[in-house]
C-alpha atoms as a PDB file:
ATOM      1  CA  MET A   1     -18.899  -0.694   0.328  1.00  0.00           C
ATOM      2  CA  ALA A   2     -16.767  -2.273  -2.382  1.00  0.00           C
ATOM      3  CA  ASN A   3     -17.471  -5.915  -3.138  1.00  0.00           C
ATOM      4  CA  PHE A   4     -14.085  -7.248  -2.074  1.00  0.00           C
ATOM      5  CA  SER A   5     -15.171 -10.846  -2.643  1.00  0.00           C
ATOM      6  CA  SER A   6     -15.165 -10.268  -6.377  1.00  0.00           C
ATOM      7  CA  TYR A   7     -11.516  -9.132  -6.373  1.00  0.00           C
ATOM      8  CA  SER A   8      -8.798 -11.358  -7.707  1.00  0.00           C
ATOM      9  CA  MET A   9      -5.609 -11.743  -5.648  1.00  0.00           C
ATOM     10  CA  PRO A  10      -3.710  -9.078  -7.676  1.00  0.00           C
ATOM     11  CA  GLN A  11      -6.635  -6.642  -7.324  1.00  0.00           C
ATOM     12  CA  PHE A  12      -6.942  -7.221  -3.588  1.00  0.00           C
ATOM     13  CA  THR A  13      -3.175  -6.903  -3.135  1.00  0.00           C
ATOM     14  CA  ASP A  14      -3.195  -3.611  -5.031  1.00  0.00           C
ATOM     15  CA  LEU A  15      -5.933  -2.325  -2.698  1.00  0.00           C
ATOM     16  CA  ILE A  16      -3.904  -3.275   0.397  1.00  0.00           C
ATOM     17  CA  ASN A  17      -0.766  -1.677  -1.052  1.00  0.00           C
ATOM     18  CA  ARG A  18      -2.626   1.582  -1.693  1.00  0.00           C
ATOM     19  CA  SER A  19      -4.143   1.523   1.796  1.00  0.00           C
ATOM     20  CA  PHE A  20      -0.724   0.852   3.348  1.00  0.00           C
ATOM     21  CA  LEU A  21       0.926   3.771   1.563  1.00  0.00           C
ATOM     22  CA  TYR A  22      -1.966   6.097   2.421  1.00  0.00           C
ATOM     23  CA  ALA A  23      -1.837   5.150   6.106  1.00  0.00           C
ATOM     24  CA  LYS A  24       1.909   5.859   6.291  1.00  0.00           C
ATOM     25  CA  LYS A  25       1.276   9.394   5.046  1.00  0.00           C
ATOM     26  CA  ALA A  26      -2.066  10.168   6.673  1.00  0.00           C
ATOM     27  CA  LEU A  27      -1.964   8.661  10.169  1.00  0.00           C
ATOM     28  CA  PRO A  28      -1.082  11.148  12.931  1.00  0.00           C
ATOM     29  CA  ALA A  29       2.544  10.739  14.032  1.00  0.00           C
ATOM     30  CA  VAL A  30       2.430  12.902  17.145  1.00  0.00           C
ATOM     31  CA  MET A  31       5.425  11.431  18.923  1.00  0.00           C
ATOM     32  CA  ARG A  32       7.488  10.559  15.880  1.00  0.00           C
ATOM     33  CA  SER A  33       7.225  14.110  14.544  1.00  0.00           C
ATOM     34  CA  ALA A  34       7.803  15.791  17.927  1.00  0.00           C
ATOM     35  CA  SER A  35      10.790  18.117  17.967  1.00  0.00           C
ATOM     36  CA  PHE A  36      12.355  16.367  20.975  1.00  0.00           C
ATOM     37  CA  VAL A  37      12.606  13.035  19.112  1.00  0.00           C
ATOM     38  CA  ILE A  38      15.806  12.853  17.043  1.00  0.00           C
ATOM     39  CA  LYS A  39      15.221  10.808  13.897  1.00  0.00           C
ATOM     40  CA  ASP A  40      18.125   8.689  12.656  1.00  0.00           C
ATOM     41  CA  THR A  41      18.637   5.812  10.230  1.00  0.00           C
ATOM     42  CA  LEU A  42      20.736   2.678  10.511  1.00  0.00           C
ATOM     43  CA  PRO A  43      22.203   1.683   7.120  1.00  0.00           C
ATOM     44  CA  HIS A  44      21.782  -1.905   6.040  1.00  0.00           C
ATOM     45  CA  GLY A  45      24.835  -4.072   6.553  1.00  0.00           C
ATOM     46  CA  THR A  46      26.039  -2.168   9.643  1.00  0.00           C
ATOM     47  CA  GLY A  47      24.480  -4.343  12.351  1.00  0.00           C
ATOM     48  CA  ASN A  48      21.474  -3.571  14.518  1.00  0.00           C
ATOM     49  CA  VAL A  49      23.228  -1.690  17.349  1.00  0.00           C
ATOM     50  CA  ARG A  50      24.228   1.963  17.436  1.00  0.00           C
ATOM     51  CA  ARG A  51      25.924   3.743  20.335  1.00  0.00           C
ATOM     52  CA  TYR A  52      24.844   7.256  21.232  1.00  0.00           C
ATOM     53  CA  ALA A  53      26.764   9.507  23.589  1.00  0.00           C
ATOM     54  CA  GLN A  54      26.391  12.797  25.383  1.00  0.00           C
ATOM     55  CA  ALA A  55      28.422  15.683  24.072  1.00  0.00           C
ATOM     56  CA  VAL A  56      31.904  15.994  25.555  1.00  0.00           C
ATOM     57  CA  ASP A  57      31.969  18.630  28.287  1.00  0.00           C
ATOM     58  CA  ALA A  58      34.858  21.026  28.790  1.00  0.00           C
ATOM     59  CA  THR A  59      35.476  23.598  31.484  1.00  0.00           C
ATOM     60  CA  GLN A  60      32.970  26.383  30.798  1.00  0.00           C
ATOM     61  CA  TYR A  61      35.014  29.258  32.206  1.00  0.00           C
ATOM     62  CA  ALA A  62      38.492  30.565  31.510  1.00  0.00           C
ATOM     63  CA  GLY A  63      41.089  30.965  34.274  1.00  0.00           C
ATOM     64  CA  ILE A  64      43.160  34.038  35.035  1.00  0.00           C
ATOM     65  CA  ARG A  65      46.634  33.826  33.541  1.00  0.00           C
ATOM     66  CA  ALA A  66      49.441  35.561  35.403  1.00  0.00           C
ATOM     67  CA  GLU A  67      51.827  37.766  33.452  1.00  0.00           C
ATOM     68  CA  GLY A  68      54.235  35.523  31.595  1.00  0.00           C
ATOM     69  CA  GLY A  69      52.380  32.438  32.718  1.00  0.00           C
ATOM     70  CA  VAL A  70      50.884  29.643  30.685  1.00  0.00           C
ATOM     71  CA  SER A  71      47.228  29.162  29.908  1.00  0.00           C
ATOM     72  CA  ARG A  72      45.253  26.708  31.959  1.00  0.00           C
ATOM     73  CA  GLN A  73      44.339  23.484  30.182  1.00  0.00           C
ATOM     74  CA  ALA A  74      40.612  22.866  29.902  1.00  0.00           C
ATOM     75  CA  GLN A  75      39.269  19.880  31.773  1.00  0.00           C
ATOM     76  CA  ILE A  76      37.605  17.474  29.344  1.00  0.00           C
ATOM     77  CA  GLN A  77      34.872  15.154  30.582  1.00  0.00           C
ATOM     78  CA  TYR A  78      33.133  12.461  28.550  1.00  0.00           C
ATOM     79  CA  GLY A  79      29.473  11.929  29.272  1.00  0.00           C
ATOM     80  CA  TYR A  80      27.325   8.828  29.373  1.00  0.00           C
ATOM     81  CA  GLU A  81      26.832   6.485  26.439  1.00  0.00           C
ATOM     82  CA  LYS A  82      23.871   4.267  25.633  1.00  0.00           C
ATOM     83  CA  ASP A  83      23.492   1.504  23.066  1.00  0.00           C
ATOM     84  CA  LEU A  84      20.377   1.391  20.912  1.00  0.00           C
ATOM     85  CA  THR A  85      19.376  -2.031  19.630  1.00  0.00           C
ATOM     86  CA  THR A  86      16.772  -2.291  16.906  1.00  0.00           C
ATOM     87  CA  TYR A  87      13.960  -4.821  17.057  1.00  0.00           C
ATOM     88  CA  THR A  88      11.288  -6.006  14.652  1.00  0.00           C
ATOM     89  CA  ILE A  89       7.552  -5.493  14.924  1.00  0.00           C
ATOM     90  CA  SER A  90       5.222  -7.370  12.603  1.00  0.00           C
ATOM     91  CA  GLN A  91       1.684  -8.592  12.108  1.00  0.00           C
ATOM     92  CA  GLU A  92       0.149 -10.972   9.618  1.00  0.00           C
ATOM     93  CA  ARG A  93      -3.397 -10.940   8.267  1.00  0.00           C
ATOM     94  CA  SER A  94      -5.083 -13.733   6.353  1.00  0.00           C
ATOM     95  CA  ILE A  95      -7.943 -13.335   3.896  1.00  0.00           C
ATOM     96  CA  THR A  96      -9.605 -16.717   4.121  1.00  0.00           C
ATOM     97  CA  LYS A  97     -11.386 -18.535   1.345  1.00  0.00           C
ATOM     98  CA  LEU A  98     -14.624 -18.347   3.340  1.00  0.00           C
ATOM     99  CA  MET A  99     -14.284 -14.547   3.606  1.00  0.00           C
ATOM    100  CA  ARG A 100     -13.933 -14.328  -0.155  1.00  0.00           C
ATOM    101  CA  ASP A 101     -16.619 -16.822  -1.090  1.00  0.00           C
ATOM    102  CA  ALA A 102     -19.195 -15.628   1.451  1.00  0.00           C
ATOM    103  CA  GLY A 103     -18.623 -11.947   0.690  1.00  0.00           C
ATOM    104  CA  LYS A 104     -17.567 -11.022   4.234  1.00  0.00           C
ATOM    105  CA  ASN A 105     -16.716  -7.477   3.192  1.00  0.00           C
ATOM    106  CA  PRO A 106     -16.667  -5.909   6.706  1.00  0.00           C
ATOM    107  CA  GLU A 107     -14.116  -8.466   7.893  1.00  0.00           C
ATOM    108  CA  MET A 108     -11.955  -8.004   4.809  1.00  0.00           C
ATOM    109  CA  LYS A 109     -12.145  -4.230   5.117  1.00  0.00           C
ATOM    110  CA  LYS A 110     -11.044  -4.422   8.768  1.00  0.00           C
ATOM    111  CA  ALA A 111      -8.150  -6.669   7.782  1.00  0.00           C
ATOM    112  CA  ILE A 112      -7.006  -4.065   5.245  1.00  0.00           C
ATOM    113  CA  THR A 113      -7.392  -1.112   7.610  1.00  0.00           C
ATOM    114  CA  ASP A 114      -5.751  -2.754  10.618  1.00  0.00           C
ATOM    115  CA  LEU A 115      -2.784  -4.028   8.642  1.00  0.00           C
ATOM    116  CA  SER A 116      -2.206  -0.564   7.169  1.00  0.00           C
ATOM    117  CA  GLU A 117      -2.220   1.105  10.574  1.00  0.00           C
ATOM    118  CA  VAL A 118      -0.578  -1.443  12.853  1.00  0.00           C
ATOM    119  CA  CYS A 119       3.077  -0.443  12.357  1.00  0.00           C
ATOM    120  CA  PRO A 120       2.627   3.368  12.570  1.00  0.00           C
ATOM    121  CA  ASN A 121       0.414   2.914  15.638  1.00  0.00           C
ATOM    122  CA  THR A 122       2.970   0.623  17.299  1.00  0.00           C
ATOM    123  CA  ILE A 123       5.755   3.150  16.712  1.00  0.00           C
ATOM    124  CA  GLU A 124       3.622   5.843  18.362  1.00  0.00           C
ATOM    125  CA  LEU A 125       2.888   3.520  21.290  1.00  0.00           C
ATOM    126  CA  ASP A 126       6.540   2.577  21.787  1.00  0.00           C
ATOM    127  CA  LEU A 127       7.691   6.206  21.715  1.00  0.00           C
ATOM    128  CA  SER A 128       4.902   7.188  24.131  1.00  0.00           C
ATOM    129  CA  HIS A 129       5.806   4.398  26.544  1.00  0.00           C
ATOM    130  CA  ARG A 130       9.186   6.003  27.179  1.00  0.00           C
ATOM    131  CA  PHE A 131       7.131   8.547  29.130  1.00  0.00           C
ATOM    132  CA  THR A 132       4.363   6.202  30.310  1.00  0.00           C
ATOM    133  CA  PHE A 133       6.967   4.189  32.238  1.00  0.00           C
ATOM    134  CA  ALA A 134       9.250   7.140  33.011  1.00  0.00           C
ATOM    135  CA  THR A 135       9.730   6.011  36.621  1.00  0.00           C
ATOM    136  CA  ASP A 136      10.634   2.427  35.653  1.00  0.00           C
ATOM    137  CA  THR A 137      13.877   0.935  34.374  1.00  0.00           C
ATOM    138  CA  SER A 138      12.034  -1.591  32.196  1.00  0.00           C
ATOM    139  CA  TYR A 139       8.611  -2.914  31.290  1.00  0.00           C
ATOM    140  CA  THR A 140       7.285  -6.030  29.608  1.00  0.00           C
ATOM    141  CA  ARG A 141       5.731  -5.382  26.244  1.00  0.00           C
ATOM    142  CA  THR A 142       3.177  -8.064  25.350  1.00  0.00           C
ATOM    143  CA  ALA A 143       1.257  -6.431  22.507  1.00  0.00           C
ATOM    144  CA  GLY A 144       0.788  -8.917  19.694  1.00  0.00           C
ATOM    145  CA  GLY A 145       1.075 -11.933  21.967  1.00  0.00           C
ATOM    146  CA  THR A 146       4.885 -11.979  22.312  1.00  0.00           C
ATOM    147  CA  SER A 147       6.446 -10.916  25.626  1.00  0.00           C
ATOM    148  CA  GLN A 148       9.517  -8.707  25.419  1.00  0.00           C
ATOM    149  CA  THR A 149      11.322  -6.865  28.208  1.00  0.00           C
ATOM    150  CA  VAL A 150      12.134  -3.321  27.106  1.00  0.00           C
ATOM    151  CA  ASP A 151      15.118  -1.551  28.674  1.00  0.00           C
ATOM    152  CA  LEU A 152      14.141   1.985  29.683  1.00  0.00           C
ATOM    153  CA  THR A 153      17.300   3.055  31.509  1.00  0.00           C
ATOM    154  CA  VAL A 154      19.063   6.234  30.483  1.00  0.00           C
ATOM    155  CA  GLY A 155      22.837   6.691  30.361  1.00  0.00           C
ATOM    156  CA  ASP A 156      23.403   6.577  34.119  1.00  0.00           C
ATOM    157  CA  GLY A 157      21.472   3.312  34.458  1.00  0.00           C
ATOM    158  CA  LEU A 158      18.475   4.899  36.203  1.00  0.00           C
ATOM    159  CA  ALA A 159      14.886   5.462  35.121  1.00  0.00           C
ATOM    160  CA  LEU A 160      14.099   8.514  32.985  1.00  0.00           C
ATOM    161  CA  LEU A 161      12.602  10.273  36.025  1.00  0.00           C
ATOM    162  CA  SER A 162      14.778   9.993  39.125  1.00  0.00           C
ATOM    163  CA  ALA A 163      15.705  12.149  42.112  1.00  0.00           C
ATOM    164  CA  VAL A 164      19.313  10.890  42.135  1.00  0.00           C
ATOM    165  CA  HIS A 165      20.635  11.128  38.580  1.00  0.00           C
ATOM    166  CA  THR A 166      24.434  11.079  38.465  1.00  0.00           C
ATOM    167  CA  LEU A 167      27.221  12.775  36.498  1.00  0.00           C
ATOM    168  CA  THR A 168      30.354  11.193  35.038  1.00  0.00           C
ATOM    169  CA  GLY A 169      32.836  13.762  36.374  1.00  0.00           C
ATOM    170  CA  SER A 170      31.313  14.967  39.637  1.00  0.00           C
ATOM    171  CA  ALA A 171      29.753  13.560  42.806  1.00  0.00           C
ATOM    172  CA  THR A 172      26.817  15.925  42.313  1.00  0.00           C
ATOM    173  CA  THR A 173      23.416  14.306  41.818  1.00  0.00           C
ATOM    174  CA  TYR A 174      20.286  15.958  40.492  1.00  0.00           C
ATOM    175  CA  SER A 175      16.548  15.396  40.219  1.00  0.00           C
ATOM    176  CA  ASN A 176      14.345  15.791  37.174  1.00  0.00           C
ATOM    177  CA  ILE A 177      11.113  15.038  39.053  1.00  0.00           C
ATOM    178  CA  ILE A 178       8.960  18.128  39.526  1.00  0.00           C
ATOM    179  CA  THR A 179       8.761  18.725  43.275  1.00  0.00           C
ATOM    180  CA  GLY A 180       5.706  17.054  44.776  1.00  0.00           C
ATOM    181  CA  ASN A 181       4.639  15.439  41.477  1.00  0.00           C
ATOM    182  CA  PRO A 182       1.762  17.932  41.120  1.00  0.00           C
ATOM    183  CA  GLN A 183      -0.972  18.201  38.509  1.00  0.00           C
ATOM    184  CA  PHE A 184      -0.492  20.870  35.874  1.00  0.00           C
ATOM    185  CA  SER A 185      -0.948  24.457  37.045  1.00  0.00           C
ATOM    186  CA  LYS A 186       0.839  27.772  36.710  1.00  0.00           C
ATOM    187  CA  GLY A 187       2.731  27.156  39.953  1.00  0.00           C
ATOM    188  CA  ALA A 188       3.617  23.595  38.958  1.00  0.00           C
ATOM    189  CA  LEU A 189       4.959  24.820  35.619  1.00  0.00           C
ATOM    190  CA  GLU A 190       7.104  27.384  37.423  1.00  0.00           C
ATOM    191  CA  ASN A 191       8.478  24.580  39.616  1.00  0.00           C
ATOM    192  CA  ALA A 192       9.411  22.661  36.476  1.00  0.00           C
ATOM    193  CA  GLU A 193      11.108  25.758  35.065  1.00  0.00           C
ATOM    194  CA  LYS A 194      12.933  26.112  38.383  1.00  0.00           C
ATOM    195  CA  LEU A 195      14.349  22.588  37.889  1.00  0.00           C
ATOM    196  CA  PHE A 196      15.868  23.696  34.593  1.00  0.00           C
ATOM    197  CA  VAL A 197      17.478  26.626  36.407  1.00  0.00           C
ATOM    198  CA  GLU A 198      18.695  24.825  39.523  1.00  0.00           C
ATOM    199  CA  GLU A 199      19.057  21.139  38.573  1.00  0.00           C
ATOM    200  CA  THR A 200      20.728  21.168  35.146  1.00  0.00           C
ATOM    201  CA  TYR A 201      24.466  20.440  35.106  1.00  0.00           C
ATOM    202  CA  ASP A 202      27.212  19.473  32.738  1.00  0.00           C
ATOM    203  CA  ASN A 203      29.148  16.327  33.672  1.00  0.00           C
ATOM    204  CA  LEU A 204      31.682  18.393  35.611  1.00  0.00           C
ATOM    205  CA  GLY A 205      28.944  19.505  37.992  1.00  0.00           C
ATOM    206  CA  VAL A 206      28.746  23.063  36.623  1.00  0.00           C
ATOM    207  CA  LYS A 207      25.392  24.714  35.999  1.00  0.00           C
ATOM    208  CA  MET A 208      24.215  24.648  32.377  1.00  0.00           C
ATOM    209  CA  ALA A 209      21.961  27.299  30.923  1.00  0.00           C
ATOM    210  CA  MET A 210      19.120  25.449  29.245  1.00  0.00           C
ATOM    211  CA  ARG A 211      15.652  26.618  28.273  1.00  0.00           C
ATOM    212  CA  ALA A 212      12.648  24.351  27.875  1.00  0.00           C
ATOM    213  CA  ASP A 213      10.404  24.876  24.859  1.00  0.00           C
ATOM    214  CA  THR A 214       7.873  22.023  24.893  1.00  0.00           C
ATOM    215  CA  ILE A 215       5.097  20.872  27.221  1.00  0.00           C
ATOM    216  CA  LEU A 216       4.191  17.206  26.686  1.00  0.00           C
ATOM    217  CA  THR A 217       0.900  15.968  28.140  1.00  0.00           C
ATOM    218  CA  THR A 218      -1.555  13.125  27.818  1.00  0.00           C
ATOM    219  CA  ASP A 219      -4.942  13.668  26.157  1.00  0.00           C
ATOM    220  CA  ASP A 220      -6.629  14.287  29.513  1.00  0.00           C
ATOM    221  CA  PRO A 221      -9.158  17.086  28.736  1.00  0.00           C
ATOM    222  CA  ASN A 222      -8.650  18.866  32.045  1.00  0.00           C
ATOM    223  CA  THR A 223      -4.875  18.997  31.623  1.00  0.00           C
ATOM    224  CA  ILE A 224      -5.141  20.060  27.965  1.00  0.00           C
ATOM    225  CA  ASN A 225      -7.529  22.891  28.850  1.00  0.00           C
ATOM    226  CA  GLN A 226      -5.324  24.082  31.714  1.00  0.00           C
ATOM    227  CA  VAL A 227      -2.312  24.282  29.393  1.00  0.00           C
ATOM    228  CA  ARG A 228      -4.328  26.119  26.739  1.00  0.00           C
ATOM    229  CA  GLU A 229      -5.793  28.546  29.259  1.00  0.00           C
ATOM    230  CA  LEU A 230      -2.349  29.319  30.628  1.00  0.00           C
ATOM    231  CA  MET A 231      -0.748  29.881  27.234  1.00  0.00           C
ATOM    232  CA  HIS A 232      -3.594  31.810  25.631  1.00  0.00           C
ATOM    233  CA  ALA A 233      -4.967  33.866  28.510  1.00  0.00           C
ATOM    234  CA  THR A 234      -4.989  37.631  27.994  1.00  0.00           C
ATOM    235  CA  ALA A 235      -4.118  38.185  31.650  1.00  0.00           C
ATOM    236  CA  ASN A 236      -2.182  36.565  34.429  1.00  0.00           C
ATOM    237  CA  VAL A 237      -4.366  33.525  35.179  1.00  0.00           C
ATOM    238  CA  ASP A 238      -4.006  34.055  38.939  1.00  0.00           C
ATOM    239  CA  THR A 239      -5.465  37.576  38.866  1.00  0.00           C
ATOM    240  CA  SER A 240      -8.605  39.323  37.628  1.00  0.00           C
ATOM    241  CA  ASN A 241      -6.633  42.147  36.045  1.00  0.00           C
ATOM    242  CA  ALA A 242      -7.311  41.858  32.302  1.00  0.00           C
ATOM    243  CA  GLY A 243      -4.455  44.219  31.497  1.00  0.00           C
ATOM    244  CA  THR A 244      -1.759  41.996  32.978  1.00  0.00           C
ATOM    245  CA  PHE A 245       0.795  40.623  30.535  1.00  0.00           C
ATOM    246  CA  ASN A 246       0.733  36.828  30.115  1.00  0.00           C
ATOM    247  CA  VAL A 247       4.359  35.688  30.243  1.00  0.00           C
ATOM    248  CA  TYR A 248       3.433  32.232  28.916  1.00  0.00           C
ATOM    249  CA  LYS A 249       1.780  33.355  25.699  1.00  0.00           C
ATOM    250  CA  SER A 250       3.565  31.499  22.865  1.00  0.00           C
ATOM    251  CA  ALA A 251       6.330  30.453  25.273  1.00  0.00           C
ATOM    252  CA  TYR A 252       5.901  26.717  24.695  1.00  0.00           C
ATOM    253  CA  LYS A 253       4.796  24.204  22.113  1.00  0.00           C
ATOM    254  CA  HIS A 254       2.131  21.886  23.471  1.00  0.00           C
ATOM    255  CA  VAL A 255       2.391  18.250  22.334  1.00  0.00           C
ATOM    256  CA  ILE A 256      -0.608  16.058  23.182  1.00  0.00           C
ATOM    257  CA  ALA A 257       0.244  12.339  23.145  1.00  0.00           C
ATOM    258  CA  PRO A 258      -2.910  10.187  23.395  1.00  0.00           C
ATOM    259  CA  ARG A 259      -1.000   6.954  24.047  1.00  0.00           C
ATOM    260  CA  ILE A 260       0.941   7.958  27.187  1.00  0.00           C
ATOM    261  CA  ALA A 261      -1.927   7.086  29.552  1.00  0.00           C
ATOM    262  CA  THR A 262      -1.911   3.400  28.592  1.00  0.00           C
ATOM    263  CA  ASP A 263      -0.669   0.101  29.957  1.00  0.00           C
ATOM    264  CA  ALA A 264       1.993  -2.063  28.324  1.00  0.00           C
ATOM    265  CA  ASN A 265      -0.547  -3.386  25.801  1.00  0.00           C
ATOM    266  CA  GLY A 266      -1.987   0.016  24.875  1.00  0.00           C
ATOM    267  CA  ALA A 267      -5.159  -0.237  26.973  1.00  0.00           C
ATOM    268  CA  PRO A 268      -6.256   2.883  28.925  1.00  0.00           C
ATOM    269  CA  ASP A 269      -4.529   3.444  32.269  1.00  0.00           C
ATOM    270  CA  THR A 270      -6.193   6.262  34.190  1.00  0.00           C
ATOM    271  CA  THR A 271      -3.450   6.277  36.836  1.00  0.00           C
ATOM    272  CA  LYS A 272      -1.265   7.990  34.221  1.00  0.00           C
ATOM    273  CA  LYS A 273      -3.867  10.375  32.817  1.00  0.00           C
ATOM    274  CA  LYS A 274      -2.190  13.534  34.164  1.00  0.00           C
ATOM    275  CA  TYR A 275       1.425  12.683  33.415  1.00  0.00           C
ATOM    276  CA  ARG A 276       3.185  15.679  31.913  1.00  0.00           C
ATOM    277  CA  PHE A 277       6.700  16.757  31.027  1.00  0.00           C
ATOM    278  CA  LEU A 278       8.656  19.931  30.337  1.00  0.00           C
ATOM    279  CA  ILE A 279      11.291  19.368  27.654  1.00  0.00           C
ATOM    280  CA  ALA A 280      14.206  21.252  26.124  1.00  0.00           C
ATOM    281  CA  SER A 281      13.898  19.824  22.615  1.00  0.00           C
ATOM    282  CA  LYS A 282      16.937  21.631  21.189  1.00  0.00           C
ATOM    283  CA  ASN A 283      19.155  19.722  23.611  1.00  0.00           C
ATOM    284  CA  SER A 284      17.283  16.432  23.409  1.00  0.00           C
ATOM    285  CA  SER A 285      19.038  13.064  23.391  1.00  0.00           C
ATOM    286  CA  MET A 286      15.979  10.916  22.658  1.00  0.00           C
ATOM    287  CA  TYR A 287      16.761   8.905  19.525  1.00  0.00           C
ATOM    288  CA  PHE A 288      14.404   7.015  17.237  1.00  0.00           C
ATOM    289  CA  THR A 289      16.554   5.044  14.816  1.00  0.00           C
ATOM    290  CA  VAL A 290      15.080   3.151  11.870  1.00  0.00           C
ATOM    291  CA  LEU A 291      16.607   0.148  10.148  1.00  0.00           C
ATOM    292  CA  ASN A 292      13.511  -0.537   8.020  1.00  0.00           C
ATOM    293  CA  GLU A 293      10.542   1.771   7.694  1.00  0.00           C
ATOM    294  CA  PRO A 294       7.143   0.028   7.844  1.00  0.00           C
ATOM    295  CA  TYR A 295       6.868  -2.279   4.851  1.00  0.00           C
ATOM    296  CA  LEU A 296       4.346  -4.719   3.436  1.00  0.00           C
ATOM    297  CA  LYS A 297       4.810  -8.294   2.230  1.00  0.00           C
ATOM    298  CA  THR A 298       2.114  -9.468  -0.153  1.00  0.00           C
ATOM    299  CA  PRO A 299       1.270 -12.749  -1.840  1.00  0.00           C
ATOM    300  CA  THR A 300       1.861 -13.282  -5.522  1.00  0.00           C
ATOM    301  CA  ASP A 301       1.501 -16.220  -7.831  1.00  0.00           C
ATOM    302  CA  GLY A 302       5.253 -16.787  -7.666  1.00  0.00           C
ATOM    303  CA  ASN A 303       5.747 -16.888  -3.878  1.00  0.00           C
ATOM    304  CA  ASN A 304       3.036 -19.325  -2.814  1.00  0.00           C
ATOM    305  CA  GLY A 305       0.853 -16.406  -1.789  1.00  0.00           C
ATOM    306  CA  GLU A 306      -2.171 -18.645  -1.578  1.00  0.00           C
ATOM    307  CA  GLU A 307      -1.492 -21.368   0.967  1.00  0.00           C
ATOM    308  CA  PHE A 308      -2.126 -24.796  -0.494  1.00  0.00           C
ATOM    309  CA  SER A 309      -3.718 -26.326   2.609  1.00  0.00           C
ATOM    310  CA  SER A 310      -5.848 -23.369   3.776  1.00  0.00           C
ATOM    311  CA  GLU A 311      -6.258 -21.353   0.546  1.00  0.00           C
ATOM    312  CA  ASN A 312      -5.602 -18.183   2.607  1.00  0.00           C
ATOM    313  CA  TRP A 313      -4.130 -15.040   1.083  1.00  0.00           C
ATOM    314  CA  ASN A 314      -1.513 -13.925   3.634  1.00  0.00           C
ATOM    315  CA  TYR A 315      -0.289 -10.333   4.065  1.00  0.00           C
ATOM    316  CA  MET A 316       2.310  -9.092   6.568  1.00  0.00           C
ATOM    317  CA  ALA A 317       3.314  -5.626   7.784  1.00  0.00           C
ATOM    318  CA  ALA A 318       6.618  -5.114   9.601  1.00  0.00           C
ATOM    319  CA  ALA A 319       9.234  -2.530  10.624  1.00  0.00           C
ATOM    320  CA  ASP A 320      12.646  -2.477  12.349  1.00  0.00           C
ATOM    321  CA  TYR A 321      13.672   0.336  14.711  1.00  0.00           C
ATOM    322  CA  GLY A 322      14.998   1.193  18.152  1.00  0.00           C
ATOM    323  CA  ILE A 323      14.502   3.911  20.782  1.00  0.00           C
ATOM    324  CA  VAL A 324      16.888   5.223  23.409  1.00  0.00           C
ATOM    325  CA  ILE A 325      17.233   8.253  25.705  1.00  0.00           C
ATOM    326  CA  VAL A 326      20.852   8.978  26.642  1.00  0.00           C
ATOM    327  CA  SER A 327      20.598  11.939  28.985  1.00  0.00           C
ATOM    328  CA  PRO A 328      17.600  12.789  31.213  1.00  0.00           C
ATOM    329  CA  GLU A 329      18.395  16.358  32.267  1.00  0.00           C
ATOM    330  CA  ARG A 330      16.561  17.761  29.222  1.00  0.00           C
ATOM    331  CA  ILE A 331      13.292  16.290  30.499  1.00  0.00           C
ATOM    332  CA  LYS A 332      11.539  17.251  33.740  1.00  0.00           C
ATOM    333  CA  GLY A 333       8.348  15.391  34.589  1.00  0.00           C
ATOM    334  CA  SER A 334       5.500  14.816  37.007  1.00  0.00           C
ATOM    335  CA  THR A 335       3.334  11.758  37.549  1.00  0.00           C
ATOM    336  CA  TRP A 336       0.764  13.943  39.460  1.00  0.00           C
ATOM    337  CA  LEU A 337       0.444  11.221  42.126  1.00  0.00           C
ATOM    338  CA  GLY A 338       2.114  13.202  44.909  1.00  0.00           C
ATOM    339  CA  ALA A 339       5.575  13.046  46.419  1.00  0.00           C
END
């Protein structure tokens, strides 16, 4: 292990900067890089709120025009809108004089590692919690010691998963909860596919043709293995006939999100271990909008980097971003806990 206690402030700062840049590139970004998350940026000087809206729907089918008659005007229907508000995450680490003088290298190494990883990990947790709390309209985020109520409602004001989602131009309601909230299986996947066929509408209440392409699950080994067996089997998994064609082979991408089965602070929550979702990523309206990518503030001789009273070297990591899901019909999910 490097003898960190022998480093000067500029040397130690350089080490933290290198570690920070490496972590941004090397840490797994499962949720952030998922195809159903739309990445956007918010330019500086334009506020911290951005409004996202569903696409405008028009009548899908043409009418019959009588000879000499006029064409029928299309009915135009605006969809739901949802405001995204960015917020700041941050964490500060102090390298104390005692750490430096006593050669507490393990503690200094942990300070470097944790500070480099805290913002990317928090982004992954926040994105995952949109699915962790899919049946809730809000949750209280207390990670880092500061309580914050996070709005989870989608455009119609309901939770992401609901049996009574509404439309802006029709009295029709629809459900995106997989019937019975079952664990993953071939039959349960077919029920989710059936929801895309029977419970996907435009805002005029007309059926929309939409195909799912992604299965999102937790890191529960049993669920992961069931998905893999289904997608890679050489036969229909419900038969012993090895010559049967597997209709699910290469049909879906499988995204494994290890932070879905957690509580509001990121601790394990086994009641959510079998949560899973079927998603049409090409039609997604889940936005992750960044005002400031994770950045690092370091001490220097010119900015009072060493506190006079404590002689600490203080380092801070921070980022500014927001998350919103406008329309829920692209996501069908199950909490596996029964009806």
